[in-house]
Amino acid sequence: METLQHLLLLLHLLGWAIVFGGTLVTLRDTRLPKGALHGILTALVTGILMVGLASASDELRDPNNVKVAVKLVVALVVTGLVVYGTRRPEKVTRGLLGAVLGLTVVNVAIAVLWR
């Protein structure tokens, strides 16, 4: 069970890295990278699976539900921004890209610093 949790964590972090790195690289062009949608959906789904697995398992530590809720809201906002930018590429601005980058950093910071 712990191995599955670690595998999901790896995929979760890779999803966020795809969103962050891809958006950072295309910041000058004011467009969202093609992989950003796949990255955020990977991060969102694996995050939900990790929480479900930890909640259902006796072996794993129970998740902090308030922290999970805050991270979920941030992830849903990033998902909405990425979907919007993917569906309407002509509407992508530096502000939208900055919001995606900033909220990605916020989500990772919450994961690392909230104890």
N, C-alpha and C. Protein backbone atom coordinates (compact mmCIF):
# COMPACT_ATOMS: atom_id res chain seq x y z
N MET A 1 0.83 -1.19 0.00
CA MET A 1 0.00 0.00 0.00
C MET A 1 0.88 1.26 0.00
N GLU A 2 1.95 1.20 0.76
CA GLU A 2 2.85 2.35 0.84
C GLU A 2 3.54 2.61 -0.50
N THR A 3 3.85 1.55 -1.21
CA THR A 3 4.48 1.69 -2.53
C THR A 3 3.53 2.38 -3.50
N LEU A 4 2.26 2.03 -3.47
CA LEU A 4 1.27 2.68 -4.32
C LEU A 4 1.15 4.16 -3.97
N GLN A 5 1.17 4.47 -2.68
CA GLN A 5 1.10 5.86 -2.23
C GLN A 5 2.30 6.65 -2.76
N HIS A 6 3.48 6.06 -2.71
CA HIS A 6 4.69 6.74 -3.21
C HIS A 6 4.64 6.91 -4.73
N LEU A 7 4.12 5.92 -5.44
CA LEU A 7 3.98 6.03 -6.89
C LEU A 7 3.01 7.14 -7.27
N LEU A 8 1.90 7.21 -6.55
CA LEU A 8 0.94 8.30 -6.78
C LEU A 8 1.54 9.66 -6.47
N LEU A 9 2.33 9.74 -5.41
CA LEU A 9 3.00 11.00 -5.07
C LEU A 9 3.96 11.42 -6.17
N LEU A 10 4.69 10.47 -6.72
CA LEU A 10 5.61 10.77 -7.82
C LEU A 10 4.85 11.32 -9.02
N LEU A 11 3.75 10.66 -9.40
CA LEU A 11 2.95 11.14 -10.52
C LEU A 11 2.33 12.50 -10.23
N HIS A 12 1.91 12.72 -8.98
CA HIS A 12 1.33 14.00 -8.57
C HIS A 12 2.36 15.13 -8.74
N LEU A 13 3.55 14.90 -8.26
CA LEU A 13 4.60 15.92 -8.38
C LEU A 13 5.00 16.16 -9.83
N LEU A 14 5.05 15.10 -10.62
CA LEU A 14 5.36 15.26 -12.04
C LEU A 14 4.28 16.08 -12.75
N GLY A 15 3.03 15.86 -12.38
CA GLY A 15 1.94 16.66 -12.97
C GLY A 15 2.11 18.14 -12.68
N TRP A 16 2.40 18.46 -11.41
CA TRP A 16 2.61 19.87 -11.06
C TRP A 16 3.85 20.43 -11.75
N ALA A 17 4.89 19.60 -11.89
CA ALA A 17 6.12 20.06 -12.56
C ALA A 17 5.86 20.36 -14.03
N ILE A 18 5.03 19.55 -14.68
CA ILE A 18 4.68 19.81 -16.08
C ILE A 18 3.96 21.14 -16.21
N VAL A 19 3.02 21.40 -15.32
CA VAL A 19 2.27 22.66 -15.37
C VAL A 19 3.22 23.83 -15.13
N PHE A 20 4.02 23.74 -14.08
CA PHE A 20 4.91 24.84 -13.73
C PHE A 20 5.97 25.08 -14.79
N GLY A 21 6.69 24.03 -15.15
CA GLY A 21 7.77 24.17 -16.13
C GLY A 21 7.28 24.60 -17.49
N GLY A 22 6.21 23.98 -17.95
CA GLY A 22 5.68 24.34 -19.26
C GLY A 22 5.18 25.77 -19.32
N THR A 23 4.50 26.19 -18.28
CA THR A 23 3.98 27.56 -18.24
C THR A 23 5.12 28.57 -18.13
N LEU A 24 6.13 28.24 -17.35
CA LEU A 24 7.28 29.13 -17.20
C LEU A 24 8.01 29.32 -18.53
N VAL A 25 8.15 28.24 -19.28
CA VAL A 25 8.85 28.30 -20.56
C VAL A 25 8.08 29.14 -21.58
N THR A 26 6.75 29.06 -21.57
CA THR A 26 5.95 29.78 -22.56
C THR A 26 5.46 31.14 -22.07
N LEU A 27 5.99 31.62 -20.97
CA LEU A 27 5.54 32.90 -20.41
C LEU A 27 5.77 34.05 -21.38
N ARG A 28 6.86 34.03 -22.09
CA ARG A 28 7.17 35.11 -23.02
C ARG A 28 6.22 35.11 -24.22
N ASP A 29 5.76 33.93 -24.63
CA ASP A 29 4.88 33.82 -25.80
C ASP A 29 3.41 34.03 -25.47
N THR A 30 3.10 34.17 -24.21
CA THR A 30 1.71 34.27 -23.70
C THR A 30 0.80 33.21 -24.31
N ARG A 31 1.17 31.97 -24.09
CA ARG A 31 0.33 30.84 -24.47
C ARG A 31 0.55 29.73 -23.44
N LEU A 32 -0.43 28.89 -23.34
CA LEU A 32 -0.30 27.74 -22.45
C LEU A 32 0.33 26.59 -23.21
N PRO A 33 1.21 25.85 -22.58
CA PRO A 33 1.81 24.70 -23.28
C PRO A 33 0.77 23.60 -23.49
N LYS A 34 1.00 22.77 -24.49
CA LYS A 34 0.05 21.70 -24.79
C LYS A 34 -0.08 20.71 -23.65
N GLY A 35 0.99 20.50 -22.91
CA GLY A 35 0.96 19.51 -21.84
C GLY A 35 0.38 20.00 -20.52
N ALA A 36 0.07 21.29 -20.43
CA ALA A 36 -0.42 21.84 -19.15
C ALA A 36 -1.74 21.20 -18.73
N LEU A 37 -2.62 20.97 -19.67
CA LEU A 37 -3.90 20.35 -19.33
C LEU A 37 -3.70 18.92 -18.82
N HIS A 38 -2.83 18.18 -19.48
CA HIS A 38 -2.55 16.81 -19.04
C HIS A 38 -1.86 16.82 -17.68
N GLY A 39 -0.96 17.78 -17.47
CA GLY A 39 -0.26 17.87 -16.20
C GLY A 39 -1.18 18.18 -15.04
N ILE A 40 -2.08 19.15 -15.21
CA ILE A 40 -2.96 19.53 -14.11
C ILE A 40 -3.99 18.44 -13.84
N LEU A 41 -4.46 17.77 -14.88
CA LEU A 41 -5.40 16.68 -14.65
C LEU A 41 -4.72 15.50 -13.95
N THR A 42 -3.46 15.25 -14.29
CA THR A 42 -2.70 14.21 -13.59
C THR A 42 -2.53 14.57 -12.13
N ALA A 43 -2.16 15.81 -11.85
CA ALA A 43 -1.97 16.25 -10.47
C ALA A 43 -3.28 16.18 -9.69
N LEU A 44 -4.37 16.59 -10.30
CA LEU A 44 -5.67 16.60 -9.63
C LEU A 44 -6.15 15.18 -9.33
N VAL A 45 -6.09 14.30 -10.31
CA VAL A 45 -6.57 12.93 -10.11
C VAL A 45 -5.69 12.17 -9.12
N THR A 46 -4.38 12.30 -9.25
CA THR A 46 -3.50 11.57 -8.31
C THR A 46 -3.62 12.12 -6.90
N GLY A 47 -3.85 13.42 -6.76
CA GLY A 47 -4.06 13.98 -5.42
C GLY A 47 -5.31 13.42 -4.76
N ILE A 48 -6.38 13.33 -5.53
CA ILE A 48 -7.62 12.77 -5.00
C ILE A 48 -7.42 11.29 -4.64
N LEU A 49 -6.72 10.55 -5.51
CA LEU A 49 -6.45 9.14 -5.22
C LEU A 49 -5.60 8.95 -3.97
N MET A 50 -4.61 9.83 -3.78
CA MET A 50 -3.77 9.72 -2.59
C MET A 50 -4.57 9.94 -1.32
N VAL A 51 -5.44 10.92 -1.33
CA VAL A 51 -6.27 11.20 -0.15
C VAL A 51 -7.22 10.04 0.11
N GLY A 52 -7.82 9.52 -0.93
CA GLY A 52 -8.71 8.37 -0.77
C GLY A 52 -8.00 7.16 -0.25
N LEU A 53 -6.81 6.91 -0.76
CA LEU A 53 -6.02 5.76 -0.31
C LEU A 53 -5.60 5.91 1.15
N ALA A 54 -5.17 7.11 1.53
CA ALA A 54 -4.75 7.34 2.91
C ALA A 54 -5.93 7.25 3.87
N SER A 55 -7.09 7.73 3.44
CA SER A 55 -8.27 7.67 4.30
C SER A 55 -8.78 6.25 4.49
N ALA A 56 -8.63 5.42 3.47
CA ALA A 56 -9.15 4.06 3.52
C ALA A 56 -8.19 3.07 4.17
N SER A 57 -6.93 3.44 4.28
CA SER A 57 -5.92 2.51 4.77
C SER A 57 -5.67 2.67 6.26
N ASP A 58 -5.44 1.55 6.91
CA ASP A 58 -5.04 1.57 8.32
C ASP A 58 -3.54 1.77 8.46
N GLU A 59 -2.79 1.46 7.40
CA GLU A 59 -1.34 1.56 7.44
C GLU A 59 -0.83 2.99 7.30
N LEU A 60 -1.54 3.80 6.51
CA LEU A 60 -1.09 5.14 6.20
C LEU A 60 -1.66 6.15 7.19
N ARG A 61 -0.95 7.26 7.32
CA ARG A 61 -1.39 8.33 8.21
C ARG A 61 -2.62 9.02 7.64
N ASP A 62 -3.60 9.32 8.51
CA ASP A 62 -4.81 10.02 8.06
C ASP A 62 -4.45 11.42 7.58
N PRO A 63 -5.03 11.85 6.46
CA PRO A 63 -4.70 13.19 5.93
C PRO A 63 -5.36 14.30 6.75
N ASN A 64 -4.73 15.47 6.72
CA ASN A 64 -5.28 16.67 7.34
C ASN A 64 -6.35 17.20 6.38
N ASN A 65 -7.62 17.07 6.77
CA ASN A 65 -8.71 17.40 5.85
C ASN A 65 -8.78 18.87 5.49
N VAL A 66 -8.39 19.76 6.39
CA VAL A 66 -8.41 21.19 6.08
C VAL A 66 -7.34 21.50 5.03
N LYS A 67 -6.16 20.94 5.21
CA LYS A 67 -5.08 21.13 4.25
C LYS A 67 -5.48 20.57 2.89
N VAL A 68 -6.08 19.40 2.88
CA VAL A 68 -6.51 18.78 1.64
C VAL A 68 -7.55 19.65 0.94
N ALA A 69 -8.48 20.20 1.70
CA ALA A 69 -9.53 21.05 1.12
C ALA A 69 -8.94 22.31 0.49
N VAL A 70 -7.98 22.93 1.17
CA VAL A 70 -7.35 24.14 0.63
C VAL A 70 -6.58 23.79 -0.65
N LYS A 71 -5.84 22.69 -0.62
CA LYS A 71 -5.10 22.28 -1.81
C LYS A 71 -6.04 21.93 -2.96
N LEU A 72 -7.17 21.33 -2.64
CA LEU A 72 -8.13 20.97 -3.68
C LEU A 72 -8.72 22.22 -4.33
N VAL A 73 -9.05 23.21 -3.53
CA VAL A 73 -9.60 24.46 -4.09
C VAL A 73 -8.57 25.13 -5.00
N VAL A 74 -7.33 25.19 -4.56
CA VAL A 74 -6.28 25.80 -5.39
C VAL A 74 -6.11 25.00 -6.68
N ALA A 75 -6.10 23.67 -6.58
CA ALA A 75 -5.94 22.83 -7.77
C ALA A 75 -7.11 23.00 -8.73
N LEU A 76 -8.32 23.14 -8.20
CA LEU A 76 -9.48 23.34 -9.06
C LEU A 76 -9.43 24.69 -9.77
N VAL A 77 -8.95 25.71 -9.08
CA VAL A 77 -8.80 27.03 -9.71
C VAL A 77 -7.77 26.97 -10.83
N VAL A 78 -6.63 26.32 -10.56
CA VAL A 78 -5.61 26.16 -11.60
C VAL A 78 -6.17 25.36 -12.78
N THR A 79 -6.93 24.32 -12.48
CA THR A 79 -7.54 23.52 -13.54
C THR A 79 -8.47 24.38 -14.39
N GLY A 80 -9.27 25.20 -13.75
CA GLY A 80 -10.17 26.08 -14.48
C GLY A 80 -9.41 27.06 -15.36
N LEU A 81 -8.33 27.63 -14.84
CA LEU A 81 -7.53 28.56 -15.64
C LEU A 81 -6.89 27.87 -16.84
N VAL A 82 -6.38 26.68 -16.62
CA VAL A 82 -5.73 25.94 -17.71
C VAL A 82 -6.75 25.52 -18.76
N VAL A 83 -7.91 25.05 -18.33
CA VAL A 83 -8.96 24.68 -19.29
C VAL A 83 -9.38 25.91 -20.09
N TYR A 84 -9.60 27.02 -19.41
CA TYR A 84 -9.97 28.26 -20.10
C TYR A 84 -8.90 28.66 -21.12
N GLY A 85 -7.64 28.63 -20.70
CA GLY A 85 -6.55 29.01 -21.60
C GLY A 85 -6.36 28.04 -22.75
N THR A 86 -6.69 26.79 -22.52
CA THR A 86 -6.57 25.79 -23.58
C THR A 86 -7.70 25.94 -24.59
N ARG A 87 -8.89 26.21 -24.10
CA ARG A 87 -10.06 26.33 -25.00
C ARG A 87 -10.04 27.65 -25.76
N ARG A 88 -9.50 28.70 -25.16
CA ARG A 88 -9.46 30.03 -25.79
C ARG A 88 -8.02 30.56 -25.77
N PRO A 89 -7.17 30.03 -26.63
CA PRO A 89 -5.76 30.44 -26.59
C PRO A 89 -5.55 31.92 -26.91
N GLU A 90 -6.48 32.53 -27.64
CA GLU A 90 -6.33 33.95 -27.96
C GLU A 90 -6.57 34.85 -26.74
N LYS A 91 -7.19 34.31 -25.70
CA LYS A 91 -7.48 35.07 -24.48
C LYS A 91 -6.41 34.93 -23.41
N VAL A 92 -5.38 34.14 -23.67
CA VAL A 92 -4.32 33.92 -22.67
C VAL A 92 -3.48 35.19 -22.56
N THR A 93 -3.34 35.67 -21.33
CA THR A 93 -2.54 36.86 -21.06
C THR A 93 -1.42 36.50 -20.09
N ARG A 94 -0.52 37.43 -19.90
CA ARG A 94 0.54 37.20 -18.91
C ARG A 94 -0.04 37.08 -17.50
N GLY A 95 -1.14 37.77 -17.26
CA GLY A 95 -1.80 37.67 -15.97
C GLY A 95 -2.33 36.27 -15.71
N LEU A 96 -2.93 35.66 -16.72
CA LEU A 96 -3.43 34.30 -16.57
C LEU A 96 -2.27 33.34 -16.34
N LEU A 97 -1.21 33.49 -17.11
CA LEU A 97 -0.04 32.63 -16.91
C LEU A 97 0.59 32.85 -15.55
N GLY A 98 0.63 34.11 -15.11
CA GLY A 98 1.16 34.41 -13.78
C GLY A 98 0.31 33.79 -12.68
N ALA A 99 -1.00 33.80 -12.89
CA ALA A 99 -1.90 33.18 -11.91
C ALA A 99 -1.67 31.68 -11.85
N VAL A 100 -1.50 31.04 -13.00
CA VAL A 100 -1.23 29.60 -13.01
C VAL A 100 0.08 29.31 -12.30
N LEU A 101 1.12 30.09 -12.61
CA LEU A 101 2.42 29.88 -11.96
C LEU A 101 2.34 30.13 -10.46
N GLY A 102 1.73 31.25 -10.08
CA GLY A 102 1.64 31.60 -8.66
C GLY A 102 0.85 30.59 -7.86
N LEU A 103 -0.29 30.16 -8.39
CA LEU A 103 -1.10 29.19 -7.66
C LEU A 103 -0.44 27.81 -7.61
N THR A 104 0.34 27.48 -8.63
CA THR A 104 1.10 26.23 -8.58
C THR A 104 2.12 26.28 -7.45
N VAL A 105 2.81 27.39 -7.33
CA VAL A 105 3.77 27.55 -6.24
C VAL A 105 3.06 27.53 -4.89
N VAL A 106 1.91 28.18 -4.80
CA VAL A 106 1.13 28.17 -3.55
C VAL A 106 0.75 26.74 -3.17
N ASN A 107 0.30 25.95 -4.14
CA ASN A 107 -0.10 24.58 -3.85
C ASN A 107 1.06 23.75 -3.35
N VAL A 108 2.21 23.89 -3.98
CA VAL A 108 3.39 23.15 -3.53
C VAL A 108 3.85 23.65 -2.16
N ALA A 109 3.79 24.95 -1.95
CA ALA A 109 4.19 25.51 -0.65
C ALA A 109 3.27 25.01 0.47
N ILE A 110 1.99 24.92 0.20
CA ILE A 110 1.06 24.39 1.21
C ILE A 110 1.43 22.95 1.53
N ALA A 111 1.73 22.17 0.50
CA ALA A 111 2.08 20.76 0.71
C ALA A 111 3.33 20.61 1.57
N VAL A 112 4.30 21.47 1.35
CA VAL A 112 5.58 21.35 2.04
C VAL A 112 5.57 22.02 3.41
N LEU A 113 4.99 23.20 3.51
CA LEU A 113 5.13 24.00 4.73
C LEU A 113 4.03 23.79 5.76
N TRP A 114 2.86 23.35 5.36
CA TRP A 114 1.74 23.18 6.28
C TRP A 114 1.95 21.88 7.06
N ARG A 115 2.17 22.01 8.34
CA ARG A 115 2.39 20.82 9.19
C ARG A 115 1.39 20.78 10.29
